[in-house]
Protein backbone atom coordinates (compact mmCIF):
# COMPACT_ATOMS: atom_id res chain seq x y z
CA MET A 1 -28.89 26.12 0.99
CA ILE A 2 -25.07 25.32 -1.17
CA SER A 3 -22.92 28.24 -2.80
CA ARG A 4 -22.67 28.00 -6.24
CA ARG A 5 -18.62 27.62 -6.07
CA LEU A 6 -18.96 24.45 -3.45
CA ILE A 7 -20.49 22.99 -6.57
CA PRO A 8 -17.23 21.59 -8.42
CA SER A 9 -15.75 20.39 -5.05
CA LEU A 10 -18.41 18.41 -4.37
CA LEU A 11 -18.19 16.87 -7.65
CA LEU A 12 -14.58 15.96 -6.62
CA ILE A 13 -15.07 14.51 -3.92
CA LEU A 14 -17.70 12.41 -4.77
CA PHE A 15 -15.12 10.49 -6.84
CA CYS A 16 -12.40 10.91 -4.78
CA ALA A 17 -14.53 8.95 -2.09
CA LEU A 18 -14.64 6.30 -3.99
CA TRP A 19 -12.48 3.62 -1.98
CA ALA A 20 -12.21 3.65 2.00
CA GLY A 21 -11.80 6.39 4.11
CA VAL A 22 -9.30 6.69 7.06
CA ALA A 23 -11.50 4.60 8.90
CA PRO A 24 -10.86 1.18 8.82
CA VAL A 25 -12.68 -1.14 6.72
CA ALA A 26 -15.80 -3.00 7.24
CA ALA A 27 -15.17 -6.87 8.68
CA ASP A 28 -17.18 -7.68 5.05
CA SER A 29 -15.76 -6.03 2.64
CA SER A 30 -14.55 -9.49 1.45
CA HIS A 31 -11.18 -8.39 -1.00
CA ALA A 32 -11.89 -4.97 -0.71
CA ARG A 33 -8.19 -4.39 0.46
CA ILE A 34 -6.67 -1.04 0.01
CA ILE A 35 -3.13 -1.81 -1.12
CA ARG A 36 -0.84 0.00 -3.36
CA LEU A 37 2.50 0.24 -5.70
CA SER A 38 4.20 2.58 -4.19
CA LEU A 39 7.62 3.24 -5.61
CA VAL A 40 8.78 2.24 -9.03
CA GLN A 41 12.73 1.42 -10.26
CA GLY A 42 13.29 0.69 -13.01
CA ASP A 43 11.75 -2.14 -15.23
CA VAL A 44 8.74 -3.51 -13.54
CA ARG A 45 5.64 -5.45 -14.88
CA PHE A 46 2.38 -6.99 -13.42
CA THR A 47 -0.03 -9.20 -14.55
CA ARG A 48 -3.72 -9.17 -13.13
CA ASP A 49 -5.27 -13.04 -12.97
CA SER A 50 -2.33 -15.63 -13.52
CA HIS A 51 -3.65 -19.73 -13.25
CA GLY A 52 -0.98 -21.27 -11.46
CA ASP A 53 2.90 -20.22 -12.34
CA PRO A 54 3.04 -17.14 -14.23
CA LEU A 55 6.53 -17.71 -15.49
CA ALA A 56 5.74 -20.62 -16.90
CA ASP A 57 2.79 -19.59 -18.71
CA SER A 58 4.03 -18.51 -22.47
CA LYS A 59 -0.11 -17.07 -22.49
CA THR A 60 0.85 -15.05 -19.24
CA ALA A 61 -0.05 -11.47 -20.54
CA TRP A 62 2.29 -8.42 -18.92
CA GLU A 63 1.55 -4.44 -18.32
CA THR A 64 3.72 -2.04 -17.36
CA ALA A 65 3.29 -1.64 -13.45
CA GLU A 66 2.80 1.95 -13.30
CA LEU A 67 3.52 4.03 -9.49
CA ASN A 68 0.32 3.95 -7.54
CA LEU A 69 -1.22 0.73 -9.16
CA PRO A 70 -3.90 -0.92 -6.95
CA ILE A 71 -3.10 -4.18 -5.93
CA ARG A 72 -5.06 -6.93 -5.67
CA GLN A 73 -5.65 -10.35 -5.31
CA GLY A 74 -4.19 -12.68 -7.88
CA TYR A 75 -1.81 -9.83 -9.00
CA VAL A 76 1.61 -10.68 -9.22
CA LEU A 77 4.33 -8.69 -10.12
CA ALA A 78 7.94 -9.14 -11.62
CA THR A 79 10.87 -6.73 -11.61
CA ASP A 80 13.37 -6.73 -14.45
CA GLN A 81 16.14 -4.49 -14.14
CA GLY A 82 14.22 -2.95 -11.84
CA ARG A 83 13.10 -2.63 -7.91
CA ALA A 84 9.14 -2.00 -6.74
CA GLU A 85 7.57 -1.65 -2.79
CA VAL A 86 4.50 -2.19 -2.04
CA GLU A 87 2.49 -0.52 0.70
CA PHE A 88 -0.64 -2.15 2.93
CA GLU A 89 -3.57 -0.19 4.33
CA ASN A 90 -2.50 -1.33 7.87
CA GLY A 91 1.55 -0.12 7.34
CA ALA A 92 3.26 -3.69 6.13
CA MET A 93 5.79 -3.29 3.61
CA ALA A 94 7.02 -5.38 0.67
CA PHE A 95 10.38 -4.58 -1.23
CA LEU A 96 11.59 -6.26 -4.61
CA LYS A 97 14.91 -6.72 -5.63
CA GLU A 98 15.66 -6.94 -9.66
CA ASN A 99 14.98 -9.83 -11.45
CA THR A 100 11.98 -10.81 -8.51
CA VAL A 101 8.77 -12.31 -9.18
CA LEU A 102 5.92 -11.48 -6.58
CA GLU A 103 2.13 -12.93 -6.24
CA PHE A 104 -0.45 -11.69 -4.04
CA TYR A 105 -2.34 -14.52 -3.78
CA ASP A 106 -4.57 -13.96 -1.12
CA LEU A 107 -5.31 -10.71 0.00
CA SER A 108 -8.78 -11.34 1.83
CA LEU A 109 -11.02 -10.04 4.73
CA LYS A 110 -12.74 -11.99 7.68
CA ASP A 111 -14.23 -10.95 10.16
CA GLY A 112 -12.17 -7.48 10.07
CA ALA A 113 -9.06 -9.06 10.25
CA ARG A 114 -6.39 -8.75 6.95
CA ASN A 115 -5.25 -12.39 5.58
CA THR A 116 -2.33 -12.08 3.42
CA ARG A 117 -0.78 -14.76 1.66
CA LEU A 118 1.62 -13.90 -1.00
CA ILE A 119 4.39 -16.18 -3.17
CA LEU A 120 7.51 -15.63 -3.84
CA ARG A 121 8.29 -17.40 -6.89
CA GLN A 122 11.43 -15.98 -7.86
CA GLY A 123 14.28 -13.72 -6.55
CA SER A 124 14.73 -11.29 -3.42
CA ALA A 125 12.05 -9.67 -1.28
CA ALA A 126 11.46 -7.83 2.24
CA PHE A 127 8.92 -7.70 4.19
CA TYR A 128 8.43 -4.85 7.07
CA VAL A 129 4.90 -6.40 8.76
CA ASN A 130 2.93 -4.87 11.58
CA PRO A 131 -0.08 -7.01 12.32
CA ALA A 132 -2.96 -6.27 14.30
CA GLY A 133 -5.62 -8.25 16.12
CA ASP A 134 -6.14 -11.58 13.88
CA ASP A 135 -4.43 -10.46 11.07
CA TYR A 136 -2.13 -13.11 8.77
CA PHE A 137 1.11 -12.38 6.87
CA SER A 138 2.81 -15.09 5.01
CA VAL A 139 5.41 -15.57 2.00
CA THR A 140 5.64 -18.87 0.57
CA GLY A 141 8.95 -19.74 -1.95
CA GLY A 142 10.05 -22.90 -2.81
CA ASP A 143 9.60 -25.61 -0.04
CA PHE A 144 8.40 -23.68 3.20
CA THR A 145 6.23 -21.03 4.46
CA VAL A 146 6.73 -18.27 6.46
CA GLU A 147 4.72 -16.52 9.35
CA ALA A 148 4.49 -13.31 10.66
CA ASN A 149 2.65 -13.21 13.73
CA GLY A 150 4.04 -10.01 15.45
CA ARG A 151 5.50 -6.85 14.08
CA SER A 152 8.54 -8.10 12.38
CA SER A 153 10.89 -7.57 9.14
CA PHE A 154 12.46 -10.33 7.26
CA ARG A 155 14.16 -11.33 3.66
CA LEU A 156 13.27 -13.72 1.36
CA ASP A 157 15.47 -15.03 -1.74
CA ASN A 158 14.02 -18.12 -3.33
CA PHE A 159 16.35 -19.45 -6.33
CA ASP A 160 16.33 -22.71 -8.47
CA ASP A 161 18.85 -24.19 -5.81
CA GLY A 162 16.97 -23.49 -2.41
CA SER A 163 15.65 -21.04 -0.22
CA THR A 164 16.85 -18.44 2.48
CA VAL A 165 15.03 -16.21 5.03
CA GLN A 166 16.48 -13.87 7.02
CA THR A 167 15.12 -12.25 10.05
CA LEU A 168 16.21 -8.53 11.07
CA LYS A 169 13.58 -8.30 13.68
CA GLY A 170 11.44 -9.66 15.64
CA HIS A 171 10.92 -13.37 15.14
CA VAL A 172 9.19 -15.16 12.16
CA THR A 173 7.83 -18.86 11.86
CA VAL A 174 8.98 -20.96 9.20
CA LEU A 175 6.59 -24.59 8.29
CA HIS A 176 8.28 -27.17 5.93
CA LYS A 177 6.05 -29.79 5.54
CA ASP A 178 4.99 -31.30 9.26
CA LYS A 179 8.02 -28.90 11.11
CA THR A 180 8.13 -25.79 12.68
CA SER A 181 10.75 -23.83 13.13
CA ARG A 182 11.18 -20.23 15.32
CA ILE A 183 13.76 -18.36 13.70
CA GLU A 184 15.01 -14.96 15.92
CA LYS A 185 16.40 -11.63 15.05
CA GLY A 186 20.11 -12.41 13.68
CA GLN A 187 19.08 -15.71 12.38
CA ALA A 188 18.81 -16.91 9.28
CA LEU A 189 17.07 -20.61 7.74
CA SER A 190 18.02 -22.45 4.69
CA MET A 191 16.81 -25.16 2.75
CA LYS A 192 17.99 -26.25 -0.46
CA ALA A 193 15.61 -27.48 -3.48
CA GLY A 194 13.96 -30.82 -3.33
CA ASP A 195 16.04 -31.63 0.23
CA ASP A 196 13.76 -32.97 2.74
CA SER A 197 16.35 -33.00 5.64
CA SER A 198 16.69 -30.74 9.00
CA PRO A 199 16.86 -27.10 7.69
CA ASP A 200 20.49 -25.20 8.61
CA ILE A 201 19.62 -22.36 10.93
CA GLY A 202 22.52 -19.66 11.14
CA ARG A 203 23.43 -15.97 11.48
CA LEU A 204 22.87 -14.03 8.96
CA ALA A 205 24.80 -12.92 5.50
CA ALA A 206 26.60 -9.96 5.04
CA GLU A 207 24.62 -7.03 4.31
CA ASP A 208 23.99 -5.99 0.71
CA ASP A 209 22.66 -3.02 -1.33
CA PHE A 210 19.59 -3.84 -1.30
CA ASP A 211 19.41 -4.12 2.31
CA ARG A 212 20.94 -1.16 2.55
CA TRP A 213 17.86 0.07 0.23
CA VAL A 214 15.02 -1.34 2.31
CA SER A 215 16.10 -0.49 5.88
CA GLY A 216 16.59 3.22 4.25
CA ARG A 217 13.38 3.48 2.62
CA ILE A 218 11.28 1.80 5.85
CA ASP A 219 13.41 4.54 8.05
CA ALA A 220 12.02 7.35 5.87
CA VAL A 221 8.17 6.25 5.29
CA SER A 222 8.19 5.92 8.85
CA THR A 223 9.66 9.14 9.29
CA ALA A 224 7.79 11.04 6.90
CA THR A 225 4.63 9.12 8.08
CA ASN A 226 4.36 10.55 11.64
CA ALA A 227 5.28 14.12 10.34
CA ALA A 228 2.28 14.02 8.20
CA LEU A 229 -0.75 12.41 10.80
CA GLN A 230 0.25 15.09 13.20
CA TYR A 231 -1.86 17.77 10.17
CA THR A 232 -4.54 15.24 10.38
CA ASN A 233 -5.87 14.85 13.49
CA THR A 234 -6.41 10.95 13.43
CA PRO A 235 -4.62 8.13 15.28
CA TYR A 236 -5.49 5.74 12.00
CA TYR A 237 -2.58 5.03 9.65
CA ALA A 238 -3.24 5.97 5.98
CA SER A 239 -1.07 4.39 3.06
CA GLY A 240 0.56 8.10 1.20
CA PHE A 241 0.07 10.16 3.57
CA ALA A 242 4.18 9.83 3.57
CA ASP A 243 4.18 11.59 0.45
CA LEU A 244 2.24 14.08 1.22
CA PHE A 245 4.90 15.50 3.67
CA THR A 246 7.83 14.78 1.13
CA TYR A 247 6.17 16.76 -1.75
CA GLY A 248 4.57 19.06 -0.20
CA ALA A 249 3.31 21.31 2.68
CA PHE A 250 0.23 22.45 5.08
CA SER A 251 -1.18 25.53 5.48
CA SER A 252 -4.01 27.49 7.33
CA CYS A 253 -6.86 27.48 5.09
CA GLY A 254 -9.22 29.70 6.46
CA GLY A 255 -12.52 28.12 7.69
CA TYR A 256 -11.37 24.88 6.41
CA GLY A 257 -8.63 24.11 8.71
CA LEU A 258 -4.98 22.57 7.37
CA GLY A 259 -5.27 22.14 3.65
CA TRP A 260 -1.64 20.11 1.72
CA ARG A 261 -0.62 21.14 -1.80
CA PRO A 262 2.23 20.14 -3.65
CA PHE A 263 5.11 22.23 -4.08
CA GLY A 264 5.73 24.12 -6.98
CA VAL A 265 2.07 24.19 -8.09
CA GLY A 266 0.19 27.90 -8.82
CA ALA A 267 -3.24 28.94 -9.16
CA GLY A 268 -4.39 27.56 -12.40
CA TRP A 269 -3.17 23.85 -11.36
CA SER A 270 -5.88 21.22 -11.58
CA PRO A 271 -5.09 17.54 -9.18
CA PHE A 272 -6.60 15.58 -12.34
CA SER A 273 -3.77 17.46 -14.24
CA THR A 274 -1.60 13.96 -14.18
CA GLY A 275 -2.98 10.24 -14.74
CA GLN A 276 -5.51 8.28 -15.86
CA TRP A 277 -9.01 7.50 -14.78
CA MET A 278 -9.20 3.50 -13.82
CA TRP A 279 -11.91 0.37 -13.29
CA ASP A 280 -11.08 -1.82 -10.37
CA THR A 281 -13.07 -4.54 -9.65
CA GLY A 282 -13.01 -3.55 -5.88
CA PHE A 283 -14.54 0.03 -6.17
CA GLY A 284 -14.96 0.88 -9.34
CA TRP A 285 -13.90 4.07 -11.45
CA THR A 286 -10.91 5.36 -9.68
CA TRP A 287 -7.99 8.03 -10.57
CA MET A 288 -4.35 6.81 -10.43
CA SER A 289 -2.04 10.09 -10.60
CA SER A 290 1.66 9.52 -11.87
CA GLN A 291 2.35 11.72 -9.76
CA PRO A 292 4.50 10.39 -6.61
CA TRP A 293 2.22 11.86 -3.39
CA GLY A 294 -0.76 10.58 -6.14
CA TRP A 295 -2.30 7.76 -3.62
CA ALA A 296 -3.80 9.65 -0.36
CA PRO A 297 -5.55 12.57 -1.78
CA TYR A 298 -7.16 10.47 -4.32
CA HIS A 299 -8.18 7.94 -1.59
CA TYR A 300 -8.75 9.63 1.41
CA GLY A 301 -10.56 13.37 1.93
CA GLY A 302 -11.57 15.45 -0.92
CA TRP A 303 -10.37 18.59 -3.00
CA LEU A 304 -11.11 21.50 -2.36
CA PHE A 305 -11.03 24.67 -3.99
CA ASP A 306 -11.10 28.35 -2.69
CA ALA A 307 -9.07 31.31 -4.29
CA GLY A 308 -8.27 32.57 -1.40
CA CYS A 309 -6.04 29.87 -0.28
CA GLY A 310 -4.33 29.03 -3.99
CA GLY A 311 -6.75 27.52 -5.74
CA TRP A 312 -7.39 23.46 -5.73
CA PHE A 313 -5.86 22.27 -1.85
CA TYR A 314 -6.08 18.80 -0.61
CA TRP A 315 -8.60 18.74 2.81
CA CYS A 316 -8.42 16.26 5.11
CA SER A 317 -8.41 16.13 8.73
CA SER A 318 -10.35 14.31 11.34
CA SER A 319 -13.84 15.44 10.77
CA ALA A 320 -13.65 15.27 7.14
CA PRO A 321 -13.00 11.75 5.86
CA ALA A 322 -14.42 9.98 3.74
CA LEU A 323 -16.62 7.48 5.67
CA PRO A 324 -18.23 4.01 4.74
CA THR A 325 -21.92 4.33 5.68
CA GLY A 326 -23.80 1.34 6.55
CA ASP A 327 -25.51 0.75 3.09
CA GLY A 328 -21.97 0.55 1.73
CA ARG A 329 -21.52 3.99 0.59
CA PHE A 330 -18.94 6.27 1.70
CA ARG A 331 -19.93 10.06 2.77
CA SER A 332 -17.78 12.83 2.41
CA HIS A 333 -18.58 16.15 4.48
CA GLN A 334 -17.72 19.72 3.54
CA ARG A 335 -18.04 22.78 4.98
CA GLN A 336 -17.68 26.29 4.85
CA GLY A 337 -18.98 29.49 6.95
CA GLY A 338 -20.71 27.09 9.46
CA HIS A 339 -22.20 25.02 7.01
CA ARG A 340 -21.96 22.03 5.87
CA ALA A 341 -22.94 20.05 2.47
CA ASP A 342 -23.10 15.93 2.66
CA SER A 343 -22.75 13.64 -0.63
CA SER A 344 -22.68 10.19 -0.96
CA ALA A 345 -21.15 8.27 -4.03
CA ARG A 346 -21.19 3.81 -4.83
């Protein structure tokens, strides 16, 4: 029999389990990718469904881009006097400099492989790519496309007079019409707009403030993610776990095992006190938290309440993810005193 004090927890888990859990997304999920706007600095906007170049379409409807916005196929991010960071479900990251427009042209799944095709409409962006298996990742800017087939880091600049790609780690392949060029670490390829002659391959440009910012963000997220995952006993990468280490702490919650709470909250705090429900075309109603740590706790595992543990706490261990079932639903597990209560939600 389920304890009465478990009922509120189960109801919240039903909402928290709307998105895929720690396990990999099923191959038949089509566009059910888990991608988020992980950092917003200054003015950042987005549009949901552009047709062609959003900069040339006066009817494009721009909205303010909030932290933890789920990114979907067809979305376009634009920074004015601001910067943005996007985190993908496999650990890949995109970084937008000021006055940059990035389109998420294709975010599909095919036979378990993630297809990511982006278009840099203008400005400067950097990318850290960590593909698995048959994953595909490319960015088109100006007259060429950059493909990353292995772990790599590169920067792409696209302006009216031409485009440049710089390989910082690993290597990338540049496609221009019927020509293919392999650009190794420490090399840069430049091409003038509308120029069909051979591209210019040279050395990297001098490091600037944006390069240093990107490098610092990659190191910080990697370190914090590794630190947080040691508490979850899972081998899978999960976006947003770095924020758990940065903005909160894990502690023992008796029979539940380890639980997480953000720094500075009291017994009367509720995990749904800041943010809003939003309709997501891929997963239905989803809670979008305005907290810097507010991604993982609302997409993996679930929130539980126990007065002995100080109130609400986030519970996500290898035994309690929101796991996809064979019929497309998600199941959450909760245990107390040797009893386990299972619930499912679409």
